[in-house]
Protein backbone atom coordinates (compact mmCIF):
# COMPACT_ATOMS: atom_id res chain seq x y z
CA MET A 1 77.75 26.64 44.94
CA SER A 2 74.33 25.32 44.00
CA LYS A 3 73.53 21.69 44.77
CA ILE A 4 71.93 21.01 41.37
CA SER A 5 73.91 18.33 39.49
CA GLU A 6 71.96 18.24 36.22
CA PHE A 7 69.64 20.75 34.59
CA PHE A 8 67.50 19.37 31.75
CA GLY A 9 70.08 16.62 31.29
CA LEU A 10 73.10 18.94 31.22
CA ASN A 11 75.97 18.55 33.68
CA CYS A 12 75.89 21.67 35.83
CA LYS A 13 79.65 21.59 36.39
CA ASP A 14 80.26 22.08 32.66
CA LYS A 15 79.71 25.79 32.20
CA THR A 16 80.11 25.49 28.40
CA ASN A 17 76.58 24.05 28.28
CA ASP A 18 73.78 26.29 27.00
CA PHE A 19 71.65 26.37 30.15
CA LYS A 20 69.68 29.39 28.95
CA SER A 21 68.43 27.53 25.89
CA ALA A 22 67.63 24.47 28.02
CA MET A 23 65.60 26.62 30.41
CA GLU A 24 63.66 28.17 27.53
CA ARG A 25 62.95 24.88 25.72
CA GLN A 26 62.13 22.94 28.92
CA LEU A 27 62.70 19.69 27.03
CA CYS A 28 63.56 16.41 28.76
CA PRO A 29 66.35 14.77 26.70
CA TYR A 30 65.37 11.31 27.94
CA THR A 31 61.72 11.36 26.87
CA GLY A 32 61.92 13.91 24.06
CA LYS A 33 58.97 15.68 25.67
CA ILE A 34 58.46 18.72 27.87
CA CYS A 35 59.68 18.12 31.42
CA THR A 36 56.93 16.96 33.76
CA LYS A 37 58.48 18.39 36.95
CA MET A 38 56.60 21.67 37.37
CA ARG A 39 56.17 24.37 40.00
CA LYS A 40 52.87 23.98 41.79
CA SER A 41 52.46 27.74 41.86
CA ASN A 42 53.26 28.05 38.13
CA PRO A 43 52.69 24.83 36.13
CA GLU A 44 54.07 26.45 32.97
CA THR A 45 57.51 26.63 34.57
CA LYS A 46 59.33 23.30 34.53
CA ILE A 47 61.92 22.68 37.24
CA GLY A 48 64.22 20.54 35.08
CA THR A 49 66.34 19.12 37.91
CA CYS A 50 67.34 15.56 37.00
CA SER A 51 69.78 15.02 39.85
CA VAL A 52 71.14 16.90 42.86
CA LYS A 53 74.25 16.85 45.01
CA TYR A 54 73.46 15.45 48.44
CA GLN A 55 76.10 14.54 51.03
CA THR A 56 78.83 14.38 48.34
CA GLN A 57 76.79 12.07 46.08
CA ASP A 58 74.92 12.83 42.86
CA ILE A 59 71.40 11.58 43.55
CA ILE A 60 68.84 11.09 40.76
CA ILE A 61 65.46 12.57 41.71
CA CYS A 62 63.57 12.09 38.41
CA PRO A 63 62.73 8.55 37.21
CA PHE A 64 62.94 9.62 33.55
CA ARG A 65 66.66 10.24 34.12
CA LEU A 66 67.04 6.44 34.30
CA LEU A 67 66.00 6.16 30.63
CA GLU A 68 69.43 7.18 29.32
CA HIS A 69 70.02 5.27 26.02
CA ASN A 70 67.29 2.82 27.13
CA GLN A 71 70.13 0.85 28.73
CA ILE A 72 68.02 -0.26 31.69
CA PHE A 73 65.71 -2.08 29.27
CA MET A 74 68.61 -3.67 27.38
CA ASP A 75 69.85 -4.99 30.73
CA CYS A 76 66.52 -6.81 31.21
CA LEU A 77 66.39 -8.59 27.85
CA HIS A 78 67.81 -11.83 29.26
CA LEU A 79 64.68 -12.15 31.41
CA LEU A 80 62.53 -12.50 28.27
CA THR A 81 63.21 -16.23 28.30
CA LEU A 82 60.67 -16.96 25.53
CA HIS A 83 61.95 -14.24 23.20
CA GLU A 84 63.24 -15.47 19.83
CA PRO A 85 65.12 -13.80 16.95
CA GLY A 86 62.59 -12.14 14.67
CA ASN A 87 60.23 -11.16 17.47
CA GLU A 88 59.46 -7.47 17.87
CA LEU A 89 60.16 -5.66 21.11
CA TYR A 90 57.64 -3.23 22.60
CA LEU A 91 57.92 -0.92 25.58
CA ILE A 92 54.47 -0.23 27.05
CA PRO A 93 54.16 2.36 29.84
CA GLU A 94 51.73 2.46 32.75
CA VAL A 95 49.82 -0.85 32.76
CA GLN A 96 47.34 -1.45 35.57
CA ILE A 97 47.55 -4.75 37.50
CA PRO A 98 46.47 -5.72 41.03
CA GLY A 99 48.62 -3.69 43.38
CA GLY A 100 48.84 -0.63 41.13
CA ASN A 101 50.39 0.50 37.87
CA VAL A 102 53.58 -1.03 36.50
CA ASP A 103 55.84 1.66 35.02
CA TYR A 104 56.78 -0.33 31.90
CA PHE A 105 56.16 -3.68 30.29
CA LEU A 106 58.93 -4.93 28.00
CA VAL A 107 57.11 -7.21 25.57
CA SER A 108 58.33 -9.73 23.01
CA ALA A 109 55.69 -10.19 20.29
CA LYS A 110 55.27 -11.89 16.93
CA ASN A 111 52.66 -10.58 14.50
CA LYS A 112 51.17 -8.46 17.29
CA LYS A 113 50.77 -11.50 19.55
CA VAL A 114 52.46 -11.50 22.95
CA LYS A 115 55.09 -14.22 23.34
CA ASP A 116 56.70 -13.04 26.57
CA PHE A 117 56.86 -10.00 28.84
CA ILE A 118 58.48 -8.59 31.95
CA GLY A 119 57.41 -5.72 34.22
CA ILE A 120 59.86 -2.93 35.03
CA GLU A 121 59.52 -0.45 37.90
CA LEU A 122 61.65 2.70 38.23
CA GLN A 123 62.34 4.26 41.61
CA THR A 124 64.35 7.39 42.30
CA MET A 125 64.55 9.49 45.43
CA ASP A 126 61.67 11.66 46.54
CA THR A 127 62.97 14.86 48.06
CA THR A 128 61.65 16.55 51.16
CA GLY A 129 61.43 20.33 51.26
CA THR A 130 62.07 22.05 47.92
CA VAL A 131 64.92 22.13 45.39
CA TRP A 132 63.60 25.35 43.80
CA PRO A 133 65.92 27.78 45.65
CA GLU A 134 68.93 25.65 44.67
CA ARG A 135 67.75 25.65 41.05
CA GLN A 136 67.46 29.41 41.10
CA ARG A 137 70.88 29.82 42.70
CA PHE A 138 72.36 27.69 39.94
CA LEU A 139 70.80 29.84 37.23
CA ASP A 140 72.07 32.95 39.02
CA GLU A 141 75.58 31.44 39.02
CA CYS A 142 75.20 31.04 35.25
CA GLY A 143 74.39 34.73 34.88
CA LEU A 144 70.69 34.20 34.17
CA GLU A 145 68.06 36.46 35.67
CA VAL A 146 66.00 35.00 38.52
CA ASP A 147 63.67 36.33 41.19
CA PRO A 148 65.89 37.85 43.95
CA SER A 149 63.52 36.51 46.63
CA ASP A 150 64.37 32.95 45.52
CA LEU A 151 68.05 33.60 46.20
CA LYS A 152 67.26 34.72 49.75
CA SER A 153 65.21 31.61 50.53
CA LYS A 154 66.63 29.40 53.26
CA LYS A 155 64.28 26.50 52.49
CA PRO A 156 66.36 23.30 52.28
CA PHE A 157 65.73 19.96 50.64
CA GLY A 158 66.48 16.50 51.95
CA MET A 159 66.03 12.78 51.26
CA ASN A 160 63.63 10.44 53.01
CA TRP A 161 65.46 7.20 52.26
CA LYS A 162 63.47 4.82 54.47
CA MET A 163 60.00 6.02 53.42
CA THR A 164 60.93 5.94 49.73
CA LEU A 165 62.18 2.38 50.08
CA LYS A 166 59.29 1.16 52.22
CA THR A 167 56.77 2.54 49.71
CA ILE A 168 58.37 0.90 46.66
CA LEU A 169 59.04 -2.42 48.43
CA ILE A 170 55.42 -2.66 49.56
CA GLN A 171 54.33 -1.99 45.97
CA MET A 172 56.83 -4.56 44.68
CA HIS A 173 55.46 -7.14 47.10
CA HIS A 174 51.88 -6.62 45.98
CA LYS A 175 52.81 -6.75 42.29
CA SER A 176 55.33 -9.58 42.62
CA GLU A 177 52.62 -12.06 43.60
CA THR A 178 50.89 -11.43 40.29
CA PHE A 179 54.12 -11.97 38.33
CA GLU A 180 55.03 -15.04 40.37
CA HIS A 181 51.58 -16.49 39.72
CA LEU A 182 52.10 -15.93 35.96
CA ASN A 183 55.67 -17.28 36.04
CA LYS A 184 57.02 -13.94 34.76
CA HIS A 185 59.61 -11.44 35.96
CA LEU A 186 59.30 -8.06 37.68
CA VAL A 187 62.39 -5.82 37.79
CA LEU A 188 63.05 -2.86 40.10
CA ILE A 189 65.52 -0.26 38.78
CA ILE A 190 67.22 1.91 41.44
CA GLN A 191 70.37 3.94 41.97
CA LYS A 192 73.27 2.53 44.01
CA PRO A 193 72.86 4.80 47.10
CA LEU A 194 69.20 3.78 47.37
CA TYR A 195 70.21 0.12 47.05
CA GLU A 196 72.79 0.54 49.82
CA HIS A 197 70.18 2.09 52.11
CA MET A 198 67.78 -0.74 51.25
CA ARG A 199 70.26 -3.33 52.44
CA SER A 200 70.97 -1.42 55.65
CA GLU A 201 67.37 -0.46 56.51
CA PHE A 202 65.57 -3.71 55.64
CA ASN A 203 66.22 -7.41 56.11
CA PHE A 204 68.02 -8.21 52.85
CA GLY A 205 70.80 -10.14 54.54
CA GLU A 206 69.82 -13.46 52.93
CA ILE A 207 69.42 -12.01 49.43
CA ASN A 208 72.86 -11.82 47.81
CA SER A 209 72.71 -13.70 44.51
CA VAL A 210 70.76 -13.51 41.28
CA ARG A 211 68.85 -16.44 39.78
CA LEU A 212 67.03 -16.41 36.46
CA GLY A 213 64.17 -18.43 37.96
CA ASP A 214 63.33 -15.83 40.61
CA PRO A 215 60.32 -13.63 39.77
CA VAL A 216 61.65 -10.45 41.44
CA HIS A 217 64.90 -8.83 40.27
CA ILE A 218 66.58 -5.67 41.53
CA HIS A 219 69.07 -3.84 39.29
CA SER A 220 71.19 -1.19 40.97
CA TYR A 221 72.99 1.45 38.88
CA ASP A 222 76.04 3.51 39.64
CA PHE A 223 75.92 7.15 38.55
CA THR A 224 79.32 8.66 37.82
CA GLU A 225 80.92 11.33 35.68
CA HIS A 226 82.65 10.47 32.39
CA ASP A 227 83.69 12.96 29.70
CA LYS A 228 81.89 15.82 31.46
CA ARG A 229 78.65 13.81 31.62
CA LEU A 230 76.97 11.91 34.43
CA SER A 231 76.16 8.40 33.21
CA LEU A 232 74.52 5.21 34.46
CA THR A 233 76.26 1.84 34.63
CA LEU A 234 74.82 -1.41 35.97
CA ASP A 235 76.48 -2.11 39.32
CA THR A 236 74.60 -4.89 41.15
CA ARG A 237 71.88 -7.46 40.44
CA ILE A 238 70.00 -9.53 43.02
CA SER A 239 66.78 -11.54 42.87
CA THR A 240 64.21 -13.11 45.16
CA ASP A 241 60.51 -14.01 45.23
CA SER A 242 57.39 -12.51 46.80
CA GLU A 243 58.08 -14.41 50.01
CA GLY A 244 61.57 -12.90 50.14
CA ILE A 245 60.17 -9.38 49.78
CA ALA A 246 57.55 -10.17 52.42
CA LYS A 247 60.25 -11.30 54.86
CA CYS A 248 62.03 -8.00 54.38
CA LEU A 249 58.87 -6.09 55.24
CA GLY A 250 56.85 -8.47 57.40
CA LEU A 251 53.95 -8.32 54.93
CA ASN A 252 51.49 -10.79 53.56
CA ALA A 253 49.09 -10.15 50.68
CA GLU A 254 47.69 -11.80 47.56
CA SER A 255 47.23 -9.94 44.30
CA LYS A 256 46.89 -12.41 41.43
CA MET A 257 45.94 -11.66 37.84
CA GLU A 258 45.27 -14.32 35.21
CA LEU A 259 47.69 -14.55 32.27
CA GLN A 260 45.06 -14.26 29.53
CA GLU A 261 43.67 -11.08 31.04
CA LEU A 262 47.08 -9.40 31.14
CA VAL A 263 47.97 -10.58 27.62
CA ARG A 264 44.73 -9.03 26.35
CA ILE A 265 45.67 -5.69 27.90
CA LEU A 266 49.20 -5.80 26.48
CA GLU A 267 48.21 -6.82 22.94
CA ALA A 268 45.86 -3.84 22.72
CA LYS A 269 48.92 -1.63 23.30
CA LEU A 270 51.24 -3.23 20.70
CA THR A 271 51.42 -0.12 18.53
CA ASP A 272 54.24 1.44 16.50
CA ALA A 273 54.46 4.20 19.11
CA ASN A 274 55.34 1.59 21.73
CA ARG A 275 58.07 -0.18 19.72
CA LEU A 276 61.32 -0.21 21.66
CA ASN A 277 63.89 1.90 19.81
CA VAL A 278 67.62 1.90 20.48
CA THR A 279 69.49 5.02 19.37
CA PHE A 280 73.15 4.63 18.48
CA ASN A 281 75.46 7.63 18.49
CA ALA A 282 77.72 7.91 15.48
């Protein structure tokens, strides 16, 4: 059987799903936009693989898959310590700070003025090799026409756990110094298997608890099947500071950004399009 777990958000084990329609629409159910995972040789064809089966586990390989019901953002609300009832919530993507872009800023504002904010980074597994042959085998299993040469391909895919973790932890260290300097929070969202590898590959032995006062928080999510759907649930929370991340990696760097400068950037992005919306199913 194919090792694709989800195809455009649909559980591949549930053969009652309309995979043909999903393939034709190429729509990501978590962003409401066309899937961004494309074939390099044919950018018009979207791969649509949200998660894959790897060593008996369902591993998320697309960060947008973490956006299910916006739950990861709801689980960060307690870190907006200056948020008050009546304030509006905004979700602003891709904000540049020293150390690189931050995936999202969750902002509490009143009358388009920033009252508080937290940064949120998403990290899923980068695959090695290619998942394309597995995708094509899955579609063939569903009775859909695919290129026969894809079915003959022996090209595998794999996971580079340590490099994925080292890259994101280095980025978190650089960015955490800015947030620590501003007395704000930065949250890393990862899946449970990646969290388990993080604890085994790096020196996280002294980081076991979670404290509201820490600037760096890590939220780990389990990914399990319920009612024929794979769903995310918050599993573990820990926190530390930039020094704690540095100890894990043996790094030392300074990347500070003044509060007023960052507030100016955020307030320019407080638009209706960036309001945080929560969709409730009837």
